[in-house]
PDB file of N, CA and C in Angstrom:
ATOM      1  N   MET A   1       0.841  -1.184   0.000  1.00  0.00           N
ATOM      2  CA  MET A   1       0.000   0.000   0.000  1.00  0.00           C
ATOM      3  C   MET A   1       0.885   1.245   0.000  1.00  0.00           C
ATOM      4  N   PRO A   2       0.748   2.115  -1.029  1.00  0.00           N
ATOM      5  CA  PRO A   2       1.598   3.297  -1.078  1.00  0.00           C
ATOM      6  C   PRO A   2       1.242   4.291   0.022  1.00  0.00           C
ATOM      7  N   ASN A   3       2.252   4.984   0.522  1.00  0.00           N
ATOM      8  CA  ASN A   3       1.994   6.081   1.446  1.00  0.00           C
ATOM      9  C   ASN A   3       2.445   7.378   0.793  1.00  0.00           C
ATOM     10  N   LYS A   4       2.323   8.487   1.506  1.00  0.00           N
ATOM     11  CA  LYS A   4       2.637   9.791   0.918  1.00  0.00           C
ATOM     12  C   LYS A   4       4.091   9.926   0.509  1.00  0.00           C
ATOM     13  N   ARG A   5       4.944   9.085   1.028  1.00  0.00           N
ATOM     14  CA  ARG A   5       6.359   9.168   0.676  1.00  0.00           C
ATOM     15  C   ARG A   5       6.690   8.347  -0.564  1.00  0.00           C
ATOM     16  N   ASN A   6       5.767   7.562  -1.022  1.00  0.00           N
ATOM     17  CA  ASN A   6       6.017   6.717  -2.189  1.00  0.00           C
ATOM     18  C   ASN A   6       5.585   7.428  -3.464  1.00  0.00           C
ATOM     19  N   ALA A   7       6.409   7.326  -4.462  1.00  0.00           N
ATOM     20  CA  ALA A   7       6.084   7.882  -5.767  1.00  0.00           C
ATOM     21  C   ALA A   7       6.588   6.908  -6.810  1.00  0.00           C
ATOM     22  N   GLY A   8       5.922   6.852  -7.921  1.00  0.00           N
ATOM     23  CA  GLY A   8       6.349   5.984  -9.010  1.00  0.00           C
ATOM     24  C   GLY A   8       6.220   6.694 -10.329  1.00  0.00           C
ATOM     25  N   THR A   9       7.099   6.373 -11.248  1.00  0.00           N
ATOM     26  CA  THR A   9       7.032   6.941 -12.586  1.00  0.00           C
ATOM     27  C   THR A   9       7.227   5.830 -13.594  1.00  0.00           C
ATOM     28  N   SER A  10       6.746   6.075 -14.773  1.00  0.00           N
ATOM     29  CA  SER A  10       6.954   5.162 -15.874  1.00  0.00           C
ATOM     30  C   SER A  10       7.382   5.993 -17.067  1.00  0.00           C
ATOM     31  N   ALA A  11       8.489   5.628 -17.665  1.00  0.00           N
ATOM     32  CA  ALA A  11       8.995   6.389 -18.801  1.00  0.00           C
ATOM     33  C   ALA A  11       9.243   5.454 -19.966  1.00  0.00           C
ATOM     34  N   ASN A  12       9.026   5.977 -21.156  1.00  0.00           N
ATOM     35  CA  ASN A  12       9.239   5.207 -22.365  1.00  0.00           C
ATOM     36  C   ASN A  12      10.109   6.031 -23.302  1.00  0.00           C
ATOM     37  N   GLN A  13      11.408   5.962 -23.105  1.00  0.00           N
ATOM     38  CA  GLN A  13      12.335   6.692 -23.960  1.00  0.00           C
ATOM     39  C   GLN A  13      12.981   5.765 -24.987  1.00  0.00           C
ATOM     40  N   GLY A  14      12.654   4.516 -24.939  1.00  0.00           N
ATOM     41  CA  GLY A  14      13.223   3.591 -25.911  1.00  0.00           C
ATOM     42  C   GLY A  14      14.736   3.507 -25.773  1.00  0.00           C
ATOM     43  N   THR A  15      15.416   3.384 -26.884  1.00  0.00           N
ATOM     44  CA  THR A  15      16.875   3.268 -26.871  1.00  0.00           C
ATOM     45  C   THR A  15      17.564   4.623 -26.949  1.00  0.00           C
ATOM     46  N   ARG A  16      16.804   5.714 -26.965  1.00  0.00           N
ATOM     47  CA  ARG A  16      17.402   7.044 -27.102  1.00  0.00           C
ATOM     48  C   ARG A  16      18.269   7.433 -25.917  1.00  0.00           C
ATOM     49  N   ILE A  17      18.021   6.878 -24.744  1.00  0.00           N
ATOM     50  CA  ILE A  17      18.760   7.317 -23.561  1.00  0.00           C
ATOM     51  C   ILE A  17      19.953   6.437 -23.249  1.00  0.00           C
ATOM     52  N   GLY A  18      20.080   5.334 -23.924  1.00  0.00           N
ATOM     53  CA  GLY A  18      21.228   4.463 -23.710  1.00  0.00           C
ATOM     54  C   GLY A  18      21.118   3.670 -22.425  1.00  0.00           C
ATOM     55  N   PRO A  19      22.221   3.067 -21.993  1.00  0.00           N
ATOM     56  CA  PRO A  19      22.182   2.246 -20.779  1.00  0.00           C
ATOM     57  C   PRO A  19      22.016   3.125 -19.537  1.00  0.00           C
ATOM     58  N   HIS A  20      21.435   2.550 -18.504  1.00  0.00           N
ATOM     59  CA  HIS A  20      21.254   3.284 -17.263  1.00  0.00           C
ATOM     60  C   HIS A  20      21.241   2.328 -16.078  1.00  0.00           C
ATOM     61  N   ALA A  21      21.712   2.822 -14.937  1.00  0.00           N
ATOM     62  CA  ALA A  21      21.725   2.027 -13.712  1.00  0.00           C
ATOM     63  C   ALA A  21      20.591   2.434 -12.784  1.00  0.00           C
ATOM     64  N   ASP A  22      20.253   3.719 -12.770  1.00  0.00           N
ATOM     65  CA  ASP A  22      19.215   4.245 -11.894  1.00  0.00           C
ATOM     66  C   ASP A  22      18.149   4.900 -12.762  1.00  0.00           C
ATOM     67  N   PRO A  23      16.970   4.313 -12.875  1.00  0.00           N
ATOM     68  CA  PRO A  23      15.963   4.842 -13.801  1.00  0.00           C
ATOM     69  C   PRO A  23      15.487   6.251 -13.447  1.00  0.00           C
ATOM     70  N   ILE A  24      15.380   6.600 -12.176  1.00  0.00           N
ATOM     71  CA  ILE A  24      14.929   7.939 -11.805  1.00  0.00           C
ATOM     72  C   ILE A  24      15.990   8.976 -12.171  1.00  0.00           C
ATOM     73  N   ARG A  25      17.248   8.712 -11.842  1.00  0.00           N
ATOM     74  CA  ARG A  25      18.320   9.640 -12.200  1.00  0.00           C
ATOM     75  C   ARG A  25      18.405   9.789 -13.718  1.00  0.00           C
ATOM     76  N   THR A  26      18.299   8.697 -14.436  1.00  0.00           N
ATOM     77  CA  THR A  26      18.358   8.742 -15.899  1.00  0.00           C
ATOM     78  C   THR A  26      17.199   9.557 -16.453  1.00  0.00           C
ATOM     79  N   LEU A  27      16.013   9.381 -15.900  1.00  0.00           N
ATOM     80  CA  LEU A  27      14.840  10.131 -16.331  1.00  0.00           C
ATOM     81  C   LEU A  27      15.066  11.633 -16.148  1.00  0.00           C
ATOM     82  N   ILE A  28      15.598  12.024 -15.001  1.00  0.00           N
ATOM     83  CA  ILE A  28      15.818  13.438 -14.708  1.00  0.00           C
ATOM     84  C   ILE A  28      16.954  14.015 -15.544  1.00  0.00           C
ATOM     85  N   MET A  29      18.047  13.288 -15.668  1.00  0.00           N
ATOM     86  CA  MET A  29      19.232  13.827 -16.330  1.00  0.00           C
ATOM     87  C   MET A  29      19.209  13.693 -17.857  1.00  0.00           C
ATOM     88  N   ASN A  30      18.564  12.661 -18.400  1.00  0.00           N
ATOM     89  CA  ASN A  30      18.706  12.356 -19.816  1.00  0.00           C
ATOM     90  C   ASN A  30      17.428  12.433 -20.639  1.00  0.00           C
ATOM     91  N   CYS A  31      16.283  12.520 -20.005  1.00  0.00           N
ATOM     92  CA  CYS A  31      15.023  12.439 -20.743  1.00  0.00           C
ATOM     93  C   CYS A  31      14.313  13.779 -20.772  1.00  0.00           C
ATOM     94  N   ASP A  32      13.309  13.867 -21.617  1.00  0.00           N
ATOM     95  CA  ASP A  32      12.454  15.041 -21.614  1.00  0.00           C
ATOM     96  C   ASP A  32      11.035  14.611 -21.236  1.00  0.00           C
ATOM     97  N   GLY A  33      10.157  15.559 -21.078  1.00  0.00           N
ATOM     98  CA  GLY A  33       8.804  15.283 -20.618  1.00  0.00           C
ATOM     99  C   GLY A  33       8.002  14.374 -21.520  1.00  0.00           C
ATOM    100  N   ARG A  34       8.355  14.305 -22.795  1.00  0.00           N
ATOM    101  CA  ARG A  34       7.588  13.460 -23.722  1.00  0.00           C
ATOM    102  C   ARG A  34       7.684  11.987 -23.383  1.00  0.00           C
ATOM    103  N   GLY A  35       8.718  11.610 -22.653  1.00  0.00           N
ATOM    104  CA  GLY A  35       8.901  10.205 -22.327  1.00  0.00           C
ATOM    105  C   GLY A  35       8.159   9.762 -21.083  1.00  0.00           C
ATOM    106  N   ILE A  36       7.618  10.690 -20.322  1.00  0.00           N
ATOM    107  CA  ILE A  36       6.902  10.312 -19.094  1.00  0.00           C
ATOM    108  C   ILE A  36       5.493   9.904 -19.469  1.00  0.00           C
ATOM    109  N   THR A  37       5.154   8.670 -19.170  1.00  0.00           N
ATOM    110  CA  THR A  37       3.845   8.158 -19.542  1.00  0.00           C
ATOM    111  C   THR A  37       2.920   7.954 -18.352  1.00  0.00           C
ATOM    112  N   ARG A  38       3.490   7.810 -17.160  1.00  0.00           N
ATOM    113  CA  ARG A  38       2.657   7.568 -15.974  1.00  0.00           C
ATOM    114  C   ARG A  38       3.403   8.035 -14.737  1.00  0.00           C
ATOM    115  N   VAL A  39       2.693   8.769 -13.861  1.00  0.00           N
ATOM    116  CA  VAL A  39       3.232   9.192 -12.576  1.00  0.00           C
ATOM    117  C   VAL A  39       2.174   8.920 -11.525  1.00  0.00           C
ATOM    118  N   VAL A  40       2.568   8.212 -10.470  1.00  0.00           N
ATOM    119  CA  VAL A  40       1.673   7.928  -9.353  1.00  0.00           C
ATOM    120  C   VAL A  40       2.323   8.494  -8.106  1.00  0.00           C
ATOM    121  N   LEU A  41       1.595   9.327  -7.377  1.00  0.00           N
ATOM    122  CA  LEU A  41       2.098   9.949  -6.166  1.00  0.00           C
ATOM    123  C   LEU A  41       1.095   9.709  -5.049  1.00  0.00           C
ATOM    124  N   ALA A  42       1.548   9.097  -3.975  1.00  0.00           N
ATOM    125  CA  ALA A  42       0.693   8.772  -2.825  1.00  0.00           C
ATOM    126  C   ALA A  42      -0.528   7.965  -3.269  1.00  0.00           C
ATOM    127  N   GLY A  43      -0.322   7.069  -4.221  1.00  0.00           N
ATOM    128  CA  GLY A  43      -1.393   6.211  -4.692  1.00  0.00           C
ATOM    129  C   GLY A  43      -2.334   6.860  -5.686  1.00  0.00           C
ATOM    130  N   ARG A  44      -2.095   8.103  -6.039  1.00  0.00           N
ATOM    131  CA  ARG A  44      -2.968   8.824  -6.964  1.00  0.00           C
ATOM    132  C   ARG A  44      -2.255   9.023  -8.291  1.00  0.00           C
ATOM    133  N   ALA A  45      -2.918   8.648  -9.377  1.00  0.00           N
ATOM    134  CA  ALA A  45      -2.338   8.820 -10.712  1.00  0.00           C
ATOM    135  C   ALA A  45      -2.380  10.299 -11.079  1.00  0.00           C
ATOM    136  N   ILE A  46      -1.217  10.878 -11.294  1.00  0.00           N
ATOM    137  CA  ILE A  46      -1.105  12.283 -11.686  1.00  0.00           C
ATOM    138  C   ILE A  46      -1.031  12.391 -13.207  1.00  0.00           C
ATOM    139  N   ILE A  47      -0.274  11.478 -13.809  1.00  0.00           N
ATOM    140  CA  ILE A  47      -0.152  11.405 -15.266  1.00  0.00           C
ATOM    141  C   ILE A  47      -0.508   9.992 -15.698  1.00  0.00           C
ATOM    142  N   GLU A  48      -1.390   9.881 -16.667  1.00  0.00           N
ATOM    143  CA  GLU A  48      -1.784   8.600 -17.264  1.00  0.00           C
ATOM    144  C   GLU A  48      -1.725   8.746 -18.772  1.00  0.00           C
ATOM    145  N   GLU A  49      -1.142   7.777 -19.437  1.00  0.00           N
ATOM    146  CA  GLU A  49      -1.029   7.777 -20.899  1.00  0.00           C
ATOM    147  C   GLU A  49      -0.459   9.104 -21.400  1.00  0.00           C
ATOM    148  N   ALA A  50       0.566   9.603 -20.701  1.00  0.00           N
ATOM    149  CA  ALA A  50       1.291  10.826 -21.043  1.00  0.00           C
ATOM    150  C   ALA A  50       0.430  12.088 -20.965  1.00  0.00           C
ATOM    151  N   GLN A  51      -0.701  12.031 -20.285  1.00  0.00           N
ATOM    152  CA  GLN A  51      -1.582  13.189 -20.132  1.00  0.00           C
ATOM    153  C   GLN A  51      -1.710  13.542 -18.654  1.00  0.00           C
ATOM    154  N   ILE A  52      -1.578  14.823 -18.316  1.00  0.00           N
ATOM    155  CA  ILE A  52      -1.747  15.268 -16.940  1.00  0.00           C
ATOM    156  C   ILE A  52      -3.221  15.181 -16.581  1.00  0.00           C
ATOM    157  N   LYS A  53      -3.524  14.484 -15.496  1.00  0.00           N
ATOM    158  CA  LYS A  53      -4.915  14.271 -15.100  1.00  0.00           C
ATOM    159  C   LYS A  53      -5.388  15.255 -14.037  1.00  0.00           C
ATOM    160  N   THR A  54      -4.476  15.969 -13.398  1.00  0.00           N
ATOM    161  CA  THR A  54      -4.844  16.837 -12.283  1.00  0.00           C
ATOM    162  C   THR A  54      -4.986  18.307 -12.670  1.00  0.00           C
ATOM    163  N   VAL A  55      -4.668  18.657 -13.917  1.00  0.00           N
ATOM    164  CA  VAL A  55      -4.735  20.042 -14.376  1.00  0.00           C
ATOM    165  C   VAL A  55      -5.420  20.060 -15.736  1.00  0.00           C
ATOM    166  N   ASP A  56      -6.317  21.018 -15.929  1.00  0.00           N
ATOM    167  CA  ASP A  56      -6.968  21.174 -17.227  1.00  0.00           C
ATOM    168  C   ASP A  56      -6.011  21.904 -18.161  1.00  0.00           C
ATOM    169  N   THR A  57      -5.454  21.205 -19.124  1.00  0.00           N
ATOM    170  CA  THR A  57      -4.479  21.786 -20.045  1.00  0.00           C
ATOM    171  C   THR A  57      -5.068  22.049 -21.433  1.00  0.00           C
ATOM    172  N   SER A  58      -6.372  21.979 -21.562  1.00  0.00           N
ATOM    173  CA  SER A  58      -6.995  22.060 -22.881  1.00  0.00           C
ATOM    174  C   SER A  58      -6.736  23.388 -23.599  1.00  0.00           C
ATOM    175  N   ASP A  59      -6.538  24.471 -22.865  1.00  0.00           N
ATOM    176  CA  ASP A  59      -6.329  25.754 -23.520  1.00  0.00           C
ATOM    177  C   ASP A  59      -4.868  26.211 -23.506  1.00  0.00           C
ATOM    178  N   TYR A  60      -3.951  25.372 -23.083  1.00  0.00           N
ATOM    179  CA  TYR A  60      -2.542  25.772 -22.978  1.00  0.00           C
ATOM    180  C   TYR A  60      -1.950  26.183 -24.319  1.00  0.00           C
ATOM    181  N   GLN A  61      -2.211  25.438 -25.370  1.00  0.00           N
ATOM    182  CA  GLN A  61      -1.655  25.748 -26.690  1.00  0.00           C
ATOM    183  C   GLN A  61      -2.165  27.102 -27.168  1.00  0.00           C
ATOM    184  N   GLN A  62      -3.448  27.347 -27.021  1.00  0.00           N
ATOM    185  CA  GLN A  62      -4.040  28.608 -27.459  1.00  0.00           C
ATOM    186  C   GLN A  62      -3.483  29.781 -26.649  1.00  0.00           C
ATOM    187  N   ARG A  63      -3.349  29.618 -25.331  1.00  0.00           N
ATOM    188  CA  ARG A  63      -2.803  30.674 -24.483  1.00  0.00           C
ATOM    189  C   ARG A  63      -1.335  30.949 -24.811  1.00  0.00           C
ATOM    190  N   ALA A  64      -0.573  29.893 -25.065  1.00  0.00           N
ATOM    191  CA  ALA A  64       0.841  30.063 -25.412  1.00  0.00           C
ATOM    192  C   ALA A  64       0.987  30.795 -26.741  1.00  0.00           C
ATOM    193  N   GLN A  65       0.148  30.466 -27.718  1.00  0.00           N
ATOM    194  CA  GLN A  65       0.198  31.135 -29.016  1.00  0.00           C
ATOM    195  C   GLN A  65      -0.150  32.611 -28.877  1.00  0.00           C
ATOM    196  N   ALA A  66      -1.175  32.926 -28.079  1.00  0.00           N
ATOM    197  CA  ALA A  66      -1.564  34.323 -27.862  1.00  0.00           C
ATOM    198  C   ALA A  66      -0.432  35.098 -27.181  1.00  0.00           C
ATOM    199  N   PHE A  67       0.229  34.468 -26.212  1.00  0.00           N
ATOM    200  CA  PHE A  67       1.345  35.118 -25.529  1.00  0.00           C
ATOM    201  C   PHE A  67       2.496  35.388 -26.500  1.00  0.00           C
ATOM    202  N   LEU A  68       2.812  34.410 -27.349  1.00  0.00           N
ATOM    203  CA  LEU A  68       3.888  34.582 -28.323  1.00  0.00           C
ATOM    204  C   LEU A  68       3.582  35.737 -29.265  1.00  0.00           C
ATOM    205  N   GLU A  69       2.358  35.810 -29.756  1.00  0.00           N
ATOM    206  CA  GLU A  69       1.981  36.878 -30.682  1.00  0.00           C
ATOM    207  C   GLU A  69       2.067  38.245 -29.998  1.00  0.00           C
ATOM    208  N   LYS A  70       1.641  38.329 -28.744  1.00  0.00           N
ATOM    209  CA  LYS A  70       1.725  39.581 -27.985  1.00  0.00           C
ATOM    210  C   LYS A  70       3.187  39.969 -27.766  1.00  0.00           C
ATOM    211  N   CYS A  71       4.008  38.988 -27.433  1.00  0.00           N
ATOM    212  CA  CYS A  71       5.434  39.233 -27.210  1.00  0.00           C
ATOM    213  C   CYS A  71       6.101  39.726 -28.495  1.00  0.00           C
ATOM    214  N   MET A  72       5.826  39.066 -29.595  1.00  0.00           N
ATOM    215  CA  MET A  72       6.426  39.461 -30.867  1.00  0.00           C
ATOM    216  C   MET A  72       5.964  40.861 -31.283  1.00  0.00           C
ATOM    217  N   ALA A  73       4.694  41.179 -31.056  1.00  0.00           N
ATOM    218  CA  ALA A  73       4.170  42.500 -31.407  1.00  0.00           C
ATOM    219  C   ALA A  73       4.848  43.590 -30.581  1.00  0.00           C
ATOM    220  N   SER A  74       5.246  43.279 -29.359  1.00  0.00           N
ATOM    221  CA  SER A  74       5.870  44.282 -28.488  1.00  0.00           C
ATOM    222  C   SER A  74       7.250  44.709 -29.000  1.00  0.00           C
ATOM    223  N   PHE A  75       7.877  43.933 -29.835  1.00  0.00           N
ATOM    224  CA  PHE A  75       9.182  44.296 -30.369  1.00  0.00           C
ATOM    225  C   PHE A  75       9.095  45.542 -31.253  1.00  0.00           C
ATOM    226  N   SER A  76       7.927  45.813 -31.818  1.00  0.00           N
ATOM    227  CA  SER A  76       7.750  47.009 -32.638  1.00  0.00           C
ATOM    228  C   SER A  76       7.997  48.269 -31.821  1.00  0.00           C
ATOM    229  N   ASN A  77       7.651  48.244 -30.531  1.00  0.00           N
ATOM    230  CA  ASN A  77       7.814  49.421 -29.675  1.00  0.00           C
ATOM    231  C   ASN A  77       9.274  49.797 -29.480  1.00  0.00           C
ATOM    232  N   SER A  78      10.161  48.834 -29.486  1.00  0.00           N
ATOM    233  CA  SER A  78      11.577  49.136 -29.264  1.00  0.00           C
ATOM    234  C   SER A  78      12.377  49.189 -30.565  1.00  0.00           C
ATOM    235  N   ASP A  79      11.730  48.907 -31.675  1.00  0.00           N
ATOM    236  CA  ASP A  79      12.414  48.986 -32.965  1.00  0.00           C
ATOM    237  C   ASP A  79      12.532  50.453 -33.373  1.00  0.00           C
ATOM    238  N   TYR A  80      13.712  50.869 -33.789  1.00  0.00           N
ATOM    239  CA  TYR A  80      13.917  52.281 -34.103  1.00  0.00           C
ATOM    240  C   TYR A  80      13.068  52.761 -35.269  1.00  0.00           C
ATOM    241  N   LYS A  81      12.654  51.853 -36.145  1.00  0.00           N
ATOM    242  CA  LYS A  81      11.798  52.230 -37.277  1.00  0.00           C
ATOM    243  C   LYS A  81      10.320  51.936 -37.011  1.00  0.00           C
ATOM    244  N   ARG A  82      10.043  51.336 -35.852  1.00  0.00           N
ATOM    245  CA  ARG A  82       8.662  50.952 -35.479  1.00  0.00           C
ATOM    246  C   ARG A  82       8.037  50.030 -36.531  1.00  0.00           C
ATOM    247  N   ARG A  83       8.860  49.109 -37.035  1.00  0.00           N
ATOM    248  CA  ARG A  83       8.359  48.157 -38.037  1.00  0.00           C
ATOM    249  C   ARG A  83       7.377  47.187 -37.389  1.00  0.00           C
ATOM    250  N   PRO A  84       6.398  46.708 -38.143  1.00  0.00           N
ATOM    251  CA  PRO A  84       5.444  45.746 -37.596  1.00  0.00           C
ATOM    252  C   PRO A  84       6.108  44.373 -37.375  1.00  0.00           C
ATOM    253  N   ALA A  85       5.493  43.584 -36.524  1.00  0.00           N
ATOM    254  CA  ALA A  85       6.028  42.257 -36.203  1.00  0.00           C
ATOM    255  C   ALA A  85       6.191  41.410 -37.458  1.00  0.00           C
ATOM    256  N   SER A  86       5.282  41.556 -38.415  1.00  0.00           N
ATOM    257  CA  SER A  86       5.383  40.756 -39.652  1.00  0.00           C
ATOM    258  C   SER A  86       6.665  41.061 -40.417  1.00  0.00           C
ATOM    259  N   GLU A  87       7.175  42.290 -40.282  1.00  0.00           N
ATOM    260  CA  GLU A  87       8.425  42.652 -40.950  1.00  0.00           C
ATOM    261  C   GLU A  87       9.635  42.247 -40.099  1.00  0.00           C
ATOM    262  N   LEU A  88       9.492  42.360 -38.788  1.00  0.00           N
ATOM    263  CA  LEU A  88      10.592  41.990 -37.892  1.00  0.00           C
ATOM    264  C   LEU A  88      10.806  40.481 -37.831  1.00  0.00           C
ATOM    265  N   PHE A  89       9.717  39.733 -37.975  1.00  0.00           N
ATOM    266  CA  PHE A  89       9.781  38.270 -37.891  1.00  0.00           C
ATOM    267  C   PHE A  89       9.177  37.654 -39.158  1.00  0.00           C
ATOM    268  N   PRO A  90       9.856  37.801 -40.297  1.00  0.00           N
ATOM    269  CA  PRO A  90       9.303  37.232 -41.533  1.00  0.00           C
ATOM    270  C   PRO A  90       9.345  35.704 -41.469  1.00  0.00           C
ATOM    271  N   PRO A  91       8.463  35.049 -42.195  1.00  0.00           N
ATOM    272  CA  PRO A  91       8.471  33.591 -42.203  1.00  0.00           C
ATOM    273  C   PRO A  91       9.759  33.055 -42.823  1.00  0.00           C
ATOM    274  N   GLY A  92      10.193  31.898 -42.366  1.00  0.00           N
ATOM    275  CA  GLY A  92      11.411  31.276 -42.897  1.00  0.00           C
ATOM    276  C   GLY A  92      11.245  30.817 -44.326  1.00  0.00           C
ATOM    277  N   PHE A  93      10.027  30.498 -44.707  1.00  0.00           N
ATOM    278  CA  PHE A  93       9.705  30.071 -46.060  1.00  0.00           C
ATOM    279  C   PHE A  93       8.525  30.904 -46.554  1.00  0.00           C
ATOM    280  N   PRO A  94       8.417  31.147 -47.847  1.00  0.00           N
ATOM    281  CA  PRO A  94       7.280  31.919 -48.365  1.00  0.00           C
ATOM    282  C   PRO A  94       5.959  31.245 -47.994  1.00  0.00           C
ATOM    283  N   VAL A  95       5.024  32.052 -47.536  1.00  0.00           N
ATOM    284  CA  VAL A  95       3.693  31.560 -47.189  1.00  0.00           C
ATOM    285  C   VAL A  95       2.752  31.930 -48.336  1.00  0.00           C
ATOM    286  N   ARG A  96       2.079  30.926 -48.871  1.00  0.00           N
ATOM    287  CA  ARG A  96       1.182  31.185 -50.009  1.00  0.00           C
ATOM    288  C   ARG A  96      -0.241  31.097 -49.592  1.00  0.00           C
TER     289      ARG A  96
END
């Protein structure tokens, strides 16, 4: 029976991380968040099937995109020519 001091993780990094002796240390030092598939803390599943179950993340992508656009637009204020963000940050490839 798990107690509050017990925690478990499950990671699926495949062969990308190479050999390891301590799975927790390897997870922290060599892996990224995409490899974490399950986290159980005090008997409660926090992450299942690589999805956070304790936080509503449904709008994170939209909020992050809005923040990026606001941040990029703010560069016009410090540009000596006051160029728009579209001119300061042109696309890497032509957009049709």
